[in-house]
Amino acid sequence: MSAFFPAGTAVAVSLSFDDARESQLHGVRILDEHGIRASFYVLPSGIAAAPDRWSSVASAGHEIGNHTTTHPCSANYEFSRTNALENRTLDEIAADIDRAGQVIEDLLGVRPKTFAYPCGQSFIGRGSRRQSYVPLVAHRFMAGRGYGGETGNMPDVCDLAHLDAYVIDGLDVDALMSLVDRGTARGEWVIMAGHDIGDRAPQTVRARDLQEFCRRLARDDRVWVAPVVEVAEQVLATRAH
């Protein structure tokens, strides 16, 4: 059992989904059916397409987090060539993040408390001008979620401003459970990051696997399933003691 998690639990699991994609508005029903609340790291353009439906997601107890306004990533990604982190400044990234927060609050009435780094990348600039923007996130948010990490987070020592998260797109239910089992053995906070929810496709968590995964999680008393913000709050409170 972990001193950082509720009594009787040995692992914390946070499901998260990025970009406010339309398929998530359908897939959230699976989570609701099993009483599981997740973190949705939204883009303003995504929630603006269906503000009432995203407001319902927030009202159901799911976390709405900040994922920037323009989703800047490395120029190594062709889709980001005109919005490359290598060409941005810290002031520009800060403004991008703050604009997203304001739109989310205006449309949904929610002020995000946690952040997810687009593409899991947390730098700006090139060469000698390259800098981390993790301090900007640490100043604005309780936690920052990474992407593509290869481990869970140890609650006593993890950096809340840059947490590791497993990519779960394309994983079947057994692979998802293996991550939970690994985290249980070490007393970890396991964060999972996906995109679309539906049938087999790139960047998609298959609905049938998510359904069975949620069923197993809901029946396992060793597992504490909660949004990123709630686990971060618990970790901070426990560290303070």
Foldseek 3Di string as FASTA:
>chain_A
DDPLDPPQAQEEEAEEAEALDPLVLVLVVLCVVLVFAHEYAYALVNCVVPLVSVLVSVVSPHHYAHAFHPLEDACVDVVRVVPHLQPDDLVRRLVRRVVRQVSCCVRRVDRHQEYEYRVQDAWHHDDPPIDGNLVSRVVRHLAYEGECDDAFADLQDGDRSYGYAYECQPPALVVVVVRVVVCSVVSGHYYYYAYHEDPRDPRYDDSVRSNVNSVVQSPDSNYHYDYPVVSSVSSVVSNVD
